[in-house]
Amino acid sequence: MQKTLHIRTTVLPGGRIEIVDQELPVGESVSVVVHSSVTKRRSAVEILKEAPGQRLFRSAEEVEAYLKDERASWEG
């Protein structure tokens, strides 16, 4: 029967982690999965830069110029 053990620990110098549980049989093979609790927060701009496809405008100035030209074309 499989036993699941959930332990929260701190990474030691040299990138080491230590797991101690007296119920683990000596010499038994185990599988260890490590999930880092630290996640880097990214800004919306960083996420959008990674989006697939091409962006029509690279700056606010380009948007303003496009809108100015578009409005001028409506006036004939």
PDB file of N, CA and C in Angstrom:
ATOM      1  N   MET A   1       0.838  -1.175   0.000  1.00  0.00           N
ATOM      2  CA  MET A   1       0.000   0.000   0.000  1.00  0.00           C
ATOM      3  C   MET A   1       0.889   1.247   0.000  1.00  0.00           C
ATOM      4  N   GLN A   2       0.555   2.211  -0.847  1.00  0.00           N
ATOM      5  CA  GLN A   2       1.352   3.434  -0.931  1.00  0.00           C
ATOM      6  C   GLN A   2       0.998   4.385   0.204  1.00  0.00           C
ATOM      7  N   LYS A   3       1.999   5.027   0.726  1.00  0.00           N
ATOM      8  CA  LYS A   3       1.813   6.037   1.760  1.00  0.00           C
ATOM      9  C   LYS A   3       2.229   7.377   1.170  1.00  0.00           C
ATOM     10  N   THR A   4       1.394   8.379   1.336  1.00  0.00           N
ATOM     11  CA  THR A   4       1.737   9.718   0.877  1.00  0.00           C
ATOM     12  C   THR A   4       2.152  10.543   2.084  1.00  0.00           C
ATOM     13  N   LEU A   5       3.270  11.185   1.962  1.00  0.00           N
ATOM     14  CA  LEU A   5       3.823  11.983   3.047  1.00  0.00           C
ATOM     15  C   LEU A   5       3.972  13.416   2.551  1.00  0.00           C
ATOM     16  N   HIS A   6       3.361  14.364   3.232  1.00  0.00           N
ATOM     17  CA  HIS A   6       3.466  15.778   2.858  1.00  0.00           C
ATOM     18  C   HIS A   6       4.295  16.482   3.927  1.00  0.00           C
ATOM     19  N   ILE A   7       5.428  17.009   3.507  1.00  0.00           N
ATOM     20  CA  ILE A   7       6.331  17.707   4.428  1.00  0.00           C
ATOM     21  C   ILE A   7       6.710  19.051   3.822  1.00  0.00           C
ATOM     22  N   ARG A   8       6.659  20.101   4.632  1.00  0.00           N
ATOM     23  CA  ARG A   8       7.142  21.413   4.198  1.00  0.00           C
ATOM     24  C   ARG A   8       8.505  21.605   4.846  1.00  0.00           C
ATOM     25  N   THR A   9       9.486  21.973   4.037  1.00  0.00           N
ATOM     26  CA  THR A   9      10.841  22.118   4.560  1.00  0.00           C
ATOM     27  C   THR A   9      11.516  23.312   3.911  1.00  0.00           C
ATOM     28  N   THR A  10      12.698  23.624   4.353  1.00  0.00           N
ATOM     29  CA  THR A  10      13.479  24.737   3.823  1.00  0.00           C
ATOM     30  C   THR A  10      14.693  24.187   3.094  1.00  0.00           C
ATOM     31  N   VAL A  11      15.021  24.798   1.986  1.00  0.00           N
ATOM     32  CA  VAL A  11      16.201  24.375   1.228  1.00  0.00           C
ATOM     33  C   VAL A  11      17.443  24.752   2.029  1.00  0.00           C
ATOM     34  N   LEU A  12      18.313  23.782   2.190  1.00  0.00           N
ATOM     35  CA  LEU A  12      19.549  23.969   2.955  1.00  0.00           C
ATOM     36  C   LEU A  12      20.672  24.456   2.041  1.00  0.00           C
ATOM     37  N   PRO A  13      21.775  24.920   2.609  1.00  0.00           N
ATOM     38  CA  PRO A  13      22.910  25.334   1.780  1.00  0.00           C
ATOM     39  C   PRO A  13      23.298  24.231   0.796  1.00  0.00           C
ATOM     40  N   GLY A  14      23.669  24.647  -0.385  1.00  0.00           N
ATOM     41  CA  GLY A  14      24.036  23.685  -1.423  1.00  0.00           C
ATOM     42  C   GLY A  14      22.829  23.128  -2.155  1.00  0.00           C
ATOM     43  N   GLY A  15      21.642  23.708  -1.912  1.00  0.00           N
ATOM     44  CA  GLY A  15      20.438  23.252  -2.602  1.00  0.00           C
ATOM     45  C   GLY A  15      19.901  21.933  -2.063  1.00  0.00           C
ATOM     46  N   ARG A  16      20.288  21.556  -0.866  1.00  0.00           N
ATOM     47  CA  ARG A  16      19.868  20.278  -0.294  1.00  0.00           C
ATOM     48  C   ARG A  16      18.547  20.427   0.455  1.00  0.00           C
ATOM     49  N   ILE A  17      17.771  19.348   0.470  1.00  0.00           N
ATOM     50  CA  ILE A  17      16.595  19.266   1.325  1.00  0.00           C
ATOM     51  C   ILE A  17      16.729  18.005   2.165  1.00  0.00           C
ATOM     52  N   GLU A  18      16.099  18.014   3.326  1.00  0.00           N
ATOM     53  CA  GLU A  18      16.185  16.864   4.221  1.00  0.00           C
ATOM     54  C   GLU A  18      14.779  16.438   4.611  1.00  0.00           C
ATOM     55  N   ILE A  19      14.510  15.137   4.494  1.00  0.00           N
ATOM     56  CA  ILE A  19      13.214  14.578   4.867  1.00  0.00           C
ATOM     57  C   ILE A  19      13.465  13.539   5.954  1.00  0.00           C
ATOM     58  N   VAL A  20      12.793  13.714   7.087  1.00  0.00           N
ATOM     59  CA  VAL A  20      12.938  12.766   8.193  1.00  0.00           C
ATOM     60  C   VAL A  20      11.553  12.268   8.578  1.00  0.00           C
ATOM     61  N   ASP A  21      11.366  10.951   8.545  1.00  0.00           N
ATOM     62  CA  ASP A  21      10.120  10.336   8.980  1.00  0.00           C
ATOM     63  C   ASP A  21      10.454   8.947   9.498  1.00  0.00           C
ATOM     64  N   GLN A  22      10.230   8.719  10.764  1.00  0.00           N
ATOM     65  CA  GLN A  22      10.588   7.448  11.394  1.00  0.00           C
ATOM     66  C   GLN A  22       9.803   6.269  10.825  1.00  0.00           C
ATOM     67  N   GLU A  23       8.676   6.538  10.148  1.00  0.00           N
ATOM     68  CA  GLU A  23       7.866   5.456   9.587  1.00  0.00           C
ATOM     69  C   GLU A  23       8.374   4.983   8.226  1.00  0.00           C
ATOM     70  N   LEU A  24       9.321   5.686   7.633  1.00  0.00           N
ATOM     71  CA  LEU A  24       9.874   5.251   6.348  1.00  0.00           C
ATOM     72  C   LEU A  24      10.857   4.110   6.594  1.00  0.00           C
ATOM     73  N   PRO A  25      10.623   2.960   5.952  1.00  0.00           N
ATOM     74  CA  PRO A  25      11.520   1.818   6.149  1.00  0.00           C
ATOM     75  C   PRO A  25      12.908   2.088   5.566  1.00  0.00           C
ATOM     76  N   VAL A  26      13.936   1.755   6.316  1.00  0.00           N
ATOM     77  CA  VAL A  26      15.321   1.931   5.879  1.00  0.00           C
ATOM     78  C   VAL A  26      15.550   1.105   4.621  1.00  0.00           C
ATOM     79  N   GLY A  27      16.173   1.714   3.610  1.00  0.00           N
ATOM     80  CA  GLY A  27      16.513   1.012   2.378  1.00  0.00           C
ATOM     81  C   GLY A  27      15.402   0.970   1.346  1.00  0.00           C
ATOM     82  N   GLU A  28      14.215   1.447   1.698  1.00  0.00           N
ATOM     83  CA  GLU A  28      13.098   1.433   0.750  1.00  0.00           C
ATOM     84  C   GLU A  28      13.279   2.536  -0.285  1.00  0.00           C
ATOM     85  N   SER A  29      12.960   2.232  -1.530  1.00  0.00           N
ATOM     86  CA  SER A  29      13.026   3.209  -2.607  1.00  0.00           C
ATOM     87  C   SER A  29      11.778   4.085  -2.559  1.00  0.00           C
ATOM     88  N   VAL A  30      11.970   5.396  -2.653  1.00  0.00           N
ATOM     89  CA  VAL A  30      10.843   6.330  -2.632  1.00  0.00           C
ATOM     90  C   VAL A  30      10.969   7.312  -3.791  1.00  0.00           C
ATOM     91  N   SER A  31       9.868   7.930  -4.135  1.00  0.00           N
ATOM     92  CA  SER A  31       9.843   8.960  -5.166  1.00  0.00           C
ATOM     93  C   SER A  31       9.569  10.291  -4.477  1.00  0.00           C
ATOM     94  N   VAL A  32      10.343  11.314  -4.821  1.00  0.00           N
ATOM     95  CA  VAL A  32      10.200  12.625  -4.185  1.00  0.00           C
ATOM     96  C   VAL A  32       9.868  13.654  -5.257  1.00  0.00           C
ATOM     97  N   VAL A  33       8.830  14.456  -5.009  1.00  0.00           N
ATOM     98  CA  VAL A  33       8.445  15.544  -5.903  1.00  0.00           C
ATOM     99  C   VAL A  33       8.580  16.834  -5.110  1.00  0.00           C
ATOM    100  N   VAL A  34       9.262  17.825  -5.677  1.00  0.00           N
ATOM    101  CA  VAL A  34       9.484  19.096  -4.983  1.00  0.00           C
ATOM    102  C   VAL A  34       8.747  20.198  -5.732  1.00  0.00           C
ATOM    103  N   HIS A  35       7.903  20.926  -5.017  1.00  0.00           N
ATOM    104  CA  HIS A  35       7.191  22.082  -5.570  1.00  0.00           C
ATOM    105  C   HIS A  35       7.710  23.323  -4.860  1.00  0.00           C
ATOM    106  N   SER A  36       8.265  24.247  -5.606  1.00  0.00           N
ATOM    107  CA  SER A  36       8.753  25.482  -5.016  1.00  0.00           C
ATOM    108  C   SER A  36       7.569  26.374  -4.670  1.00  0.00           C
ATOM    109  N   SER A  37       7.574  26.959  -3.492  1.00  0.00           N
ATOM    110  CA  SER A  37       6.487  27.837  -3.057  1.00  0.00           C
ATOM    111  C   SER A  37       6.627  29.246  -3.603  1.00  0.00           C
ATOM    112  N   VAL A  38       7.796  29.578  -4.098  1.00  0.00           N
ATOM    113  CA  VAL A  38       8.054  30.928  -4.585  1.00  0.00           C
ATOM    114  C   VAL A  38       7.725  30.991  -6.072  1.00  0.00           C
ATOM    115  N   THR A  39       6.855  31.909  -6.435  1.00  0.00           N
ATOM    116  CA  THR A  39       6.548  32.123  -7.842  1.00  0.00           C
ATOM    117  C   THR A  39       6.837  33.570  -8.190  1.00  0.00           C
ATOM    118  N   LYS A  40       7.454  33.769  -9.321  1.00  0.00           N
ATOM    119  CA  LYS A  40       7.776  35.121  -9.762  1.00  0.00           C
ATOM    120  C   LYS A  40       6.524  35.740 -10.368  1.00  0.00           C
ATOM    121  N   ARG A  41       6.144  36.883  -9.863  1.00  0.00           N
ATOM    122  CA  ARG A  41       4.980  37.582 -10.412  1.00  0.00           C
ATOM    123  C   ARG A  41       5.419  38.361 -11.642  1.00  0.00           C
ATOM    124  N   ARG A  42       4.649  38.198 -12.705  1.00  0.00           N
ATOM    125  CA  ARG A  42       4.954  38.911 -13.941  1.00  0.00           C
ATOM    126  C   ARG A  42       3.910  39.988 -14.174  1.00  0.00           C
ATOM    127  N   SER A  43       4.338  41.071 -14.777  1.00  0.00           N
ATOM    128  CA  SER A  43       3.402  42.145 -15.083  1.00  0.00           C
ATOM    129  C   SER A  43       2.590  41.770 -16.318  1.00  0.00           C
ATOM    130  N   ALA A  44       1.481  42.466 -16.509  1.00  0.00           N
ATOM    131  CA  ALA A  44       0.642  42.220 -17.680  1.00  0.00           C
ATOM    132  C   ALA A  44       1.425  42.476 -18.963  1.00  0.00           C
ATOM    133  N   VAL A  45       2.297  43.469 -18.950  1.00  0.00           N
ATOM    134  CA  VAL A  45       3.106  43.787 -20.133  1.00  0.00           C
ATOM    135  C   VAL A  45       4.025  42.615 -20.475  1.00  0.00           C
ATOM    136  N   GLU A  46       4.641  41.997 -19.461  1.00  0.00           N
ATOM    137  CA  GLU A  46       5.513  40.847 -19.711  1.00  0.00           C
ATOM    138  C   GLU A  46       4.730  39.687 -20.318  1.00  0.00           C
ATOM    139  N   ILE A  47       3.533  39.452 -19.808  1.00  0.00           N
ATOM    140  CA  ILE A  47       2.703  38.363 -20.331  1.00  0.00           C
ATOM    141  C   ILE A  47       2.304  38.652 -21.770  1.00  0.00           C
ATOM    142  N   LEU A  48       1.899  39.875 -22.055  1.00  0.00           N
ATOM    143  CA  LEU A  48       1.485  40.234 -23.414  1.00  0.00           C
ATOM    144  C   LEU A  48       2.644  40.158 -24.402  1.00  0.00           C
ATOM    145  N   LYS A  49       3.862  40.458 -23.950  1.00  0.00           N
ATOM    146  CA  LYS A  49       5.025  40.367 -24.829  1.00  0.00           C
ATOM    147  C   LYS A  49       5.255  38.938 -25.301  1.00  0.00           C
ATOM    148  N   GLU A  50       4.840  37.965 -24.489  1.00  0.00           N
ATOM    149  CA  GLU A  50       5.020  36.562 -24.834  1.00  0.00           C
ATOM    150  C   GLU A  50       3.868  36.002 -25.662  1.00  0.00           C
ATOM    151  N   ALA A  51       2.804  36.775 -25.832  1.00  0.00           N
ATOM    152  CA  ALA A  51       1.636  36.292 -26.569  1.00  0.00           C
ATOM    153  C   ALA A  51       1.997  36.060 -28.034  1.00  0.00           C
ATOM    154  N   PRO A  52       1.424  34.992 -28.618  1.00  0.00           N
ATOM    155  CA  PRO A  52       1.716  34.722 -30.026  1.00  0.00           C
ATOM    156  C   PRO A  52       1.101  35.787 -30.931  1.00  0.00           C
ATOM    157  N   GLY A  53       1.618  35.887 -32.121  1.00  0.00           N
ATOM    158  CA  GLY A  53       1.079  36.840 -33.083  1.00  0.00           C
ATOM    159  C   GLY A  53       1.811  38.166 -33.042  1.00  0.00           C
ATOM    160  N   GLN A  54       1.474  38.992 -33.994  1.00  0.00           N
ATOM    161  CA  GLN A  54       2.144  40.289 -34.083  1.00  0.00           C
ATOM    162  C   GLN A  54       1.264  41.366 -33.476  1.00  0.00           C
ATOM    163  N   ARG A  55       1.899  42.338 -32.880  1.00  0.00           N
ATOM    164  CA  ARG A  55       1.176  43.486 -32.353  1.00  0.00           C
ATOM    165  C   ARG A  55       1.188  44.569 -33.423  1.00  0.00           C
ATOM    166  N   LEU A  56       0.058  45.196 -33.604  1.00  0.00           N
ATOM    167  CA  LEU A  56      -0.062  46.236 -34.613  1.00  0.00           C
ATOM    168  C   LEU A  56       0.709  47.493 -34.209  1.00  0.00           C
ATOM    169  N   PHE A  57       0.718  47.805 -32.923  1.00  0.00           N
ATOM    170  CA  PHE A  57       1.371  49.019 -32.441  1.00  0.00           C
ATOM    171  C   PHE A  57       2.423  48.673 -31.401  1.00  0.00           C
ATOM    172  N   ARG A  58       3.501  49.433 -31.397  1.00  0.00           N
ATOM    173  CA  ARG A  58       4.567  49.212 -30.418  1.00  0.00           C
ATOM    174  C   ARG A  58       4.552  50.234 -29.296  1.00  0.00           C
ATOM    175  N   SER A  59       3.829  51.331 -29.504  1.00  0.00           N
ATOM    176  CA  SER A  59       3.808  52.376 -28.473  1.00  0.00           C
ATOM    177  C   SER A  59       2.488  53.130 -28.523  1.00  0.00           C
ATOM    178  N   ALA A  60       2.242  53.908 -27.481  1.00  0.00           N
ATOM    179  CA  ALA A  60       1.037  54.735 -27.422  1.00  0.00           C
ATOM    180  C   ALA A  60       1.057  55.790 -28.523  1.00  0.00           C
ATOM    181  N   GLU A  61       2.245  56.264 -28.861  1.00  0.00           N
ATOM    182  CA  GLU A  61       2.359  57.271 -29.916  1.00  0.00           C
ATOM    183  C   GLU A  61       1.901  56.703 -31.261  1.00  0.00           C
ATOM    184  N   GLU A  62       2.242  55.452 -31.533  1.00  0.00           N
ATOM    185  CA  GLU A  62       1.808  54.818 -32.779  1.00  0.00           C
ATOM    186  C   GLU A  62       0.290  54.664 -32.812  1.00  0.00           C
ATOM    187  N   VAL A  63      -0.318  54.372 -31.682  1.00  0.00           N
ATOM    188  CA  VAL A  63      -1.780  54.264 -31.607  1.00  0.00           C
ATOM    189  C   VAL A  63      -2.406  55.616 -31.905  1.00  0.00           C
ATOM    190  N   GLU A  64      -1.894  56.665 -31.277  1.00  0.00           N
ATOM    191  CA  GLU A  64      -2.427  58.011 -31.492  1.00  0.00           C
ATOM    192  C   GLU A  64      -2.306  58.433 -32.955  1.00  0.00           C
ATOM    193  N   ALA A  65      -1.170  58.155 -33.572  1.00  0.00           N
ATOM    194  CA  ALA A  65      -0.975  58.514 -34.982  1.00  0.00           C
ATOM    195  C   ALA A  65      -1.959  57.755 -35.866  1.00  0.00           C
ATOM    196  N   TYR A  66      -2.164  56.484 -35.583  1.00  0.00           N
ATOM    197  CA  TYR A  66      -3.105  55.677 -36.364  1.00  0.00           C
ATOM    198  C   TYR A  66      -4.521  56.238 -36.229  1.00  0.00           C
ATOM    199  N   LEU A  67      -4.927  56.545 -34.990  1.00  0.00           N
ATOM    200  CA  LEU A  67      -6.274  57.076 -34.776  1.00  0.00           C
ATOM    201  C   LEU A  67      -6.458  58.436 -35.445  1.00  0.00           C
ATOM    202  N   LYS A  68      -5.434  59.262 -35.411  1.00  0.00           N
ATOM    203  CA  LYS A  68      -5.506  60.575 -36.057  1.00  0.00           C
ATOM    204  C   LYS A  68      -5.715  60.411 -37.559  1.00  0.00           C
ATOM    205  N   ASP A  69      -4.941  59.521 -38.184  1.00  0.00           N
ATOM    206  CA  ASP A  69      -5.086  59.269 -39.624  1.00  0.00           C
ATOM    207  C   ASP A  69      -6.457  58.681 -39.942  1.00  0.00           C
ATOM    208  N   GLU A  70      -6.929  57.777 -39.097  1.00  0.00           N
ATOM    209  CA  GLU A  70      -8.229  57.142 -39.318  1.00  0.00           C
ATOM    210  C   GLU A  70      -9.349  58.173 -39.236  1.00  0.00           C
ATOM    211  N   ARG A  71      -9.297  59.046 -38.242  1.00  0.00           N
ATOM    212  CA  ARG A  71     -10.321  60.088 -38.101  1.00  0.00           C
ATOM    213  C   ARG A  71     -10.291  61.045 -39.295  1.00  0.00           C
ATOM    214  N   ALA A  72      -9.098  61.367 -39.761  1.00  0.00           N
ATOM    215  CA  ALA A  72      -8.967  62.266 -40.914  1.00  0.00           C
ATOM    216  C   ALA A  72      -9.597  61.639 -42.151  1.00  0.00           C
ATOM    217  N   SER A  73      -9.487  60.318 -42.290  1.00  0.00           N
ATOM    218  CA  SER A  73     -10.065  59.653 -43.466  1.00  0.00           C
ATOM    219  C   SER A  73     -11.590  59.668 -43.423  1.00  0.00           C
ATOM    220  N   TRP A  74     -12.197  59.743 -42.244  1.00  0.00           N
ATOM    221  CA  TRP A  74     -13.648  59.789 -42.125  1.00  0.00           C
ATOM    222  C   TRP A  74     -14.189  61.136 -42.593  1.00  0.00           C
ATOM    223  N   GLU A  75     -13.381  62.177 -42.401  1.00  0.00           N
ATOM    224  CA  GLU A  75     -13.830  63.523 -42.730  1.00  0.00           C
ATOM    225  C   GLU A  75     -13.685  63.829 -44.211  1.00  0.00           C
ATOM    226  N   GLY A  76     -13.044  62.942 -44.925  1.00  0.00           N
ATOM    227  CA  GLY A  76     -12.964  63.049 -46.364  1.00  0.00           C
ATOM    228  C   GLY A  76     -11.940  63.973 -46.817  1.00  0.00           C
TER     229      GLY A  76
END
